[in-house]
């Protein structure tokens, strides 16, 4: 929402020059496409000159007229979109475009009969939404997650893909029990942590970690970097205070 508000604020003055620095980074692919269409529409309507700064080659292919490829503070190559994508000259540009067709092989096969690392069985989460109309208040239920089943095998990768508000983040928060689900089972190495008390749950949280979407709100700005990194070691009493700091600094 912050990203959308900033884009709207930018267009409010009807600029003639716009520098768009990764304007769709925080947006899902559906909203990203809508924002790009809006930028192109405003660019044509205002007769606006636009610099689109992005690492997304797909955005470049769909949005711009001319491309400049940078590396280590220098322009490696420049030309029309067709030239850069179809007849590039510089080795760096060739490597960059070759990454679009890169593939990988999934490694780390699960042992036969091994319990999954994580199982989510029949999870659901409903939020009550208040609506004010004058002096009257009504309520509706928003179903963020409905009867969800996910199995994450050991040493494997499972991706959750969907647009904004589809329930991806809520699912991750439920898996850590940072958000309490409506039911039924959260199995870590075959153990159901859904009904655990906080003291017992603390042991399992040492084995489950999360990278939050918004690091600005997740990290304490009053703490130093070493204190932030050492915080999990302190919570789980791993080594002494001096050793925790040394581990964080290394």
Protein backbone atom coordinates (compact mmCIF):
# COMPACT_ATOMS: atom_id res chain seq x y z
CA UNK A 1 0.00 0.00 0.00
CA UNK A 2 2.91 2.36 0.74
CA UNK A 3 4.30 1.66 -2.73
CA UNK A 4 0.97 2.45 -4.37
CA UNK A 5 0.56 5.67 -2.35
CA UNK A 6 4.05 6.83 -3.36
CA UNK A 7 3.30 6.23 -7.04
CA UNK A 8 0.01 8.16 -6.77
CA UNK A 9 1.80 11.03 -4.99
CA UNK A 10 4.38 11.17 -7.79
CA UNK A 11 1.77 11.59 -10.52
CA UNK A 12 -0.27 14.19 -8.61
CA UNK A 13 1.96 17.04 -9.87
CA UNK A 14 1.80 15.86 -13.49
CA UNK A 15 5.60 15.71 -13.91
CA UNK A 16 7.39 16.01 -17.22
CA UNK A 17 10.36 13.92 -16.01
CA UNK A 18 9.99 10.81 -13.86
CA UNK A 19 12.71 8.55 -12.42
CA UNK A 20 11.01 5.31 -11.36
CA UNK A 21 13.38 3.36 -9.11
CA UNK A 22 12.09 -0.23 -8.88
CA UNK A 23 8.48 1.05 -8.78
CA UNK A 24 6.87 -2.41 -8.64
CA UNK A 25 9.29 -4.28 -6.38
CA UNK A 26 6.85 -4.65 -3.47
CA UNK A 27 3.85 -5.53 -5.64
CA UNK A 28 2.50 -8.89 -6.74
CA UNK A 29 2.46 -9.71 -10.45
CA UNK A 30 -1.18 -8.75 -10.99
CA UNK A 31 -0.90 -5.33 -9.34
CA UNK A 32 2.53 -4.92 -10.99
CA UNK A 33 0.98 -5.26 -14.43
CA UNK A 34 -1.71 -2.72 -13.54
CA UNK A 35 0.85 -0.22 -12.25
CA UNK A 36 3.01 -0.60 -15.36
CA UNK A 37 -0.02 0.01 -17.57
CA UNK A 38 -0.84 3.10 -15.51
CA UNK A 39 2.73 4.44 -15.80
CA UNK A 40 2.71 3.95 -19.57
CA UNK A 41 -0.69 5.65 -19.82
CA UNK A 42 0.44 8.63 -17.72
CA UNK A 43 3.71 8.85 -19.67
CA UNK A 44 1.78 9.20 -22.91
CA UNK A 45 -0.86 11.54 -21.45
CA UNK A 46 1.63 13.93 -19.81
CA UNK A 47 4.24 13.71 -22.57
CA UNK A 48 6.55 12.56 -19.82
CA UNK A 49 10.20 11.46 -20.12
CA UNK A 50 10.79 8.37 -18.00
CA UNK A 51 13.80 6.50 -16.65
CA UNK A 52 12.76 3.02 -15.50
CA UNK A 53 15.32 1.59 -13.05
CA UNK A 54 14.80 -2.13 -12.54
CA UNK A 55 16.48 -5.52 -12.31
CA UNK A 56 13.41 -7.15 -13.89
CA UNK A 57 14.16 -7.80 -17.56
CA UNK A 58 10.49 -8.53 -18.23
CA UNK A 59 9.55 -4.99 -17.21
CA UNK A 60 12.25 -3.62 -19.51
CA UNK A 61 10.97 -5.65 -22.45
CA UNK A 62 7.38 -4.45 -21.96
CA UNK A 63 7.84 -0.82 -20.91
CA UNK A 64 10.82 1.06 -22.34
CA UNK A 65 12.02 2.28 -25.74
CA UNK A 66 15.77 2.28 -25.11
CA UNK A 67 17.89 0.22 -22.73
CA UNK A 68 21.14 0.98 -20.89
CA UNK A 69 22.81 -2.00 -19.20
CA UNK A 70 24.92 -1.09 -16.16
CA UNK A 71 27.54 -3.00 -14.22
CA UNK A 72 29.90 -1.76 -11.51
CA UNK A 73 28.89 1.86 -12.07
CA UNK A 74 29.46 1.82 -15.84
CA UNK A 75 27.30 1.49 -18.96
CA UNK A 76 28.19 -1.85 -20.53
CA UNK A 77 25.86 -1.58 -23.51
CA UNK A 78 22.97 0.50 -24.78
CA UNK A 79 20.48 0.29 -27.60
CA UNK A 80 16.88 -0.35 -28.52
CA UNK A 81 14.90 -3.10 -26.77
CA UNK A 82 15.15 -5.26 -29.88
CA UNK A 83 18.90 -4.78 -30.11
CA UNK A 84 19.55 -5.58 -26.45
CA UNK A 85 17.33 -8.64 -26.36
CA UNK A 86 17.99 -10.04 -29.83
CA UNK A 87 21.45 -8.83 -30.87
CA UNK A 88 23.38 -7.94 -27.73
CA UNK A 89 27.12 -7.32 -28.14
CA UNK A 90 28.65 -7.16 -24.68
CA UNK A 91 29.50 -10.37 -22.80
CA UNK A 92 27.87 -9.09 -19.61
CA UNK A 93 24.58 -8.43 -21.41
CA UNK A 94 24.72 -11.92 -22.92
CA UNK A 95 25.25 -13.43 -19.47
CA UNK A 96 22.44 -11.33 -18.01
CA UNK A 97 19.96 -12.45 -20.64
CA UNK A 98 21.15 -16.06 -20.45
CA UNK A 99 20.03 -16.07 -16.81
CA UNK A 100 16.42 -15.82 -18.03
CA UNK A 101 16.74 -19.33 -19.44
CA UNK A 102 18.71 -20.76 -16.51
CA UNK A 103 17.41 -23.94 -14.94
CA UNK A 104 18.20 -25.88 -11.81
CA UNK A 105 17.85 -29.42 -10.55
CA UNK A 106 16.15 -30.10 -7.25
CA UNK A 107 18.58 -31.90 -4.98
CA UNK A 108 18.35 -33.53 -1.59
CA UNK A 109 15.94 -36.42 -2.01
CA UNK A 110 13.80 -37.31 0.99
CA UNK A 111 14.53 -40.63 2.65
CA UNK A 112 11.76 -43.20 2.10
CA UNK A 113 9.44 -43.31 5.09
CA UNK A 114 10.84 -40.13 6.64
CA UNK A 115 8.35 -37.80 8.33
CA UNK A 116 7.76 -34.48 6.56
CA UNK A 117 9.55 -31.49 8.03
CA UNK A 118 6.24 -29.62 8.25
CA UNK A 119 2.59 -30.50 7.76
CA UNK A 120 -0.34 -28.09 7.87
CA UNK A 121 -3.63 -29.94 8.10
CA UNK A 122 -7.04 -28.32 7.77
CA UNK A 123 -5.84 -24.88 8.82
CA UNK A 124 -8.18 -21.92 8.72
CA UNK A 125 -8.08 -18.31 9.89
CA UNK A 126 -10.98 -15.87 10.03
CA UNK A 127 -10.83 -12.21 11.00
CA UNK A 128 -13.85 -10.20 12.14
CA UNK A 129 -14.12 -6.92 10.23
CA UNK A 130 -16.03 -4.00 11.72
CA UNK A 131 -18.09 -1.67 9.51
CA UNK A 132 -19.31 1.68 10.80
CA UNK A 133 -22.37 3.39 9.35
CA UNK A 134 -23.21 6.42 11.44
CA UNK A 135 -23.85 5.21 14.99
CA UNK A 136 -24.34 1.62 13.92
CA UNK A 137 -21.62 -1.02 13.70
CA UNK A 138 -21.93 -4.24 11.74
CA UNK A 139 -19.55 -7.18 11.47
CA UNK A 140 -18.48 -9.47 8.66
CA UNK A 141 -16.02 -12.36 8.60
CA UNK A 142 -12.96 -12.27 6.36
CA UNK A 143 -11.63 -15.77 5.63
CA UNK A 144 -7.87 -15.32 5.20
CA UNK A 145 -7.22 -19.09 5.04
CA UNK A 146 -9.75 -21.84 4.44
CA UNK A 147 -9.17 -25.57 5.18
CA UNK A 148 -5.54 -25.50 4.06
CA UNK A 149 -3.42 -28.64 3.66
CA UNK A 150 0.32 -28.37 2.91
CA UNK A 151 3.08 -30.97 3.23
CA UNK A 152 6.73 -29.86 3.20
CA UNK A 153 9.04 -32.90 2.75
CA UNK A 154 12.46 -32.88 4.36
CA UNK A 155 15.19 -31.09 2.41
CA UNK A 156 12.73 -29.91 -0.24
CA UNK A 157 11.30 -26.54 -1.31
CA UNK A 158 7.59 -25.71 -1.58
CA UNK A 159 6.48 -22.38 -3.05
CA UNK A 160 3.31 -20.45 -2.17
CA UNK A 161 2.26 -18.27 -5.09
CA UNK A 162 -0.68 -15.88 -5.27
CA UNK A 163 -1.74 -12.26 -5.48
CA UNK A 164 -2.01 -9.85 -2.55
CA UNK A 165 -4.45 -10.90 0.20
CA UNK A 166 -4.57 -14.49 -1.03
CA UNK A 167 -3.42 -15.82 2.36
CA UNK A 168 0.30 -16.53 1.76
CA UNK A 169 1.71 -14.52 4.66
CA UNK A 170 -1.06 -15.63 7.02
CA UNK A 171 -0.17 -19.24 6.23
CA UNK A 172 3.48 -18.62 7.08
CA UNK A 173 2.55 -16.90 10.33
CA UNK A 174 0.23 -19.76 11.26
CA UNK A 175 2.98 -22.31 10.62
CA UNK A 176 5.10 -20.55 13.26
CA UNK A 177 2.05 -20.00 15.48
CA UNK A 178 2.74 -16.28 15.39
CA UNK A 179 -0.90 -16.10 14.32
CA UNK A 180 -3.24 -18.51 16.04
CA UNK A 181 -5.18 -20.67 13.57
CA UNK A 182 -8.77 -21.78 13.75
CA UNK A 183 -7.63 -25.46 13.56
CA UNK A 184 -6.49 -28.23 13.12
CA UNK A 185 -2.92 -29.51 13.02
CA UNK A 186 0.56 -28.01 12.67
CA UNK A 187 3.01 -30.91 12.59
CA UNK A 188 6.76 -30.29 12.97
CA UNK A 189 8.74 -33.51 12.53
CA UNK A 190 5.50 -35.36 13.23
CA UNK A 191 4.75 -33.48 16.47
CA UNK A 192 1.58 -31.40 16.64
CA UNK A 193 2.48 -27.94 18.00
CA UNK A 194 -1.07 -26.58 17.67
CA UNK A 195 -2.01 -27.26 21.31
CA UNK A 196 1.41 -26.60 22.89
CA UNK A 197 1.87 -24.04 25.63
CA UNK A 198 4.34 -21.21 24.99
CA UNK A 199 7.12 -22.72 27.14
CA UNK A 200 6.97 -26.00 25.22
CA UNK A 201 6.54 -24.21 21.89
CA UNK A 202 9.75 -22.24 22.48
CA UNK A 203 11.82 -25.40 21.92
CA UNK A 204 10.28 -25.97 18.49
CA UNK A 205 10.65 -22.33 17.46
CA UNK A 206 14.41 -22.74 17.74
CA UNK A 207 14.08 -25.21 14.85
CA UNK A 208 11.70 -23.02 12.84
CA UNK A 209 12.69 -19.53 11.72
CA UNK A 210 10.99 -16.91 9.59
CA UNK A 211 12.16 -14.05 7.37
CA UNK A 212 9.52 -11.33 7.55
CA UNK A 213 8.35 -9.47 4.48
CA UNK A 214 8.88 -6.03 6.02
CA UNK A 215 12.27 -5.91 7.75
CA UNK A 216 11.74 -2.28 8.78
CA UNK A 217 8.91 -3.20 11.15
CA UNK A 218 10.40 -6.58 12.13
CA UNK A 219 13.75 -5.26 13.44
CA UNK A 220 14.27 -2.98 16.44
CA UNK A 221 15.85 0.31 15.28
CA UNK A 222 17.18 0.93 18.82
CA UNK A 223 19.41 -2.17 18.67
CA UNK A 224 22.77 -2.49 16.97
CA UNK A 225 23.21 -4.96 14.11
CA UNK A 226 25.21 -7.36 16.29
CA UNK A 227 22.51 -7.23 18.99
CA UNK A 228 19.81 -8.03 16.45
CA UNK A 229 21.72 -11.01 15.04
CA UNK A 230 22.58 -12.32 18.52
CA UNK A 231 18.99 -11.99 19.81
CA UNK A 232 17.91 -15.55 18.86
CA UNK A 233 21.02 -16.93 20.60
CA UNK A 234 20.05 -14.99 23.72
CA UNK A 235 16.40 -16.11 23.61
CA UNK A 236 17.38 -19.78 23.33
CA UNK A 237 20.35 -19.44 25.74
CA UNK A 238 22.86 -20.66 23.18
CA UNK A 239 26.37 -19.99 24.58
CA UNK A 240 27.35 -17.09 26.84
CA UNK A 241 26.79 -13.39 26.20
CA UNK A 242 30.33 -12.79 24.96
CA UNK A 243 30.18 -15.81 22.68
CA UNK A 244 26.81 -14.67 21.31
CA UNK A 245 28.27 -11.29 20.39
CA UNK A 246 31.33 -12.91 18.84
CA UNK A 247 29.14 -15.23 16.78
CA UNK A 248 27.06 -12.30 15.56
CA UNK A 249 30.13 -10.27 14.59
CA UNK A 250 31.61 -13.20 12.67
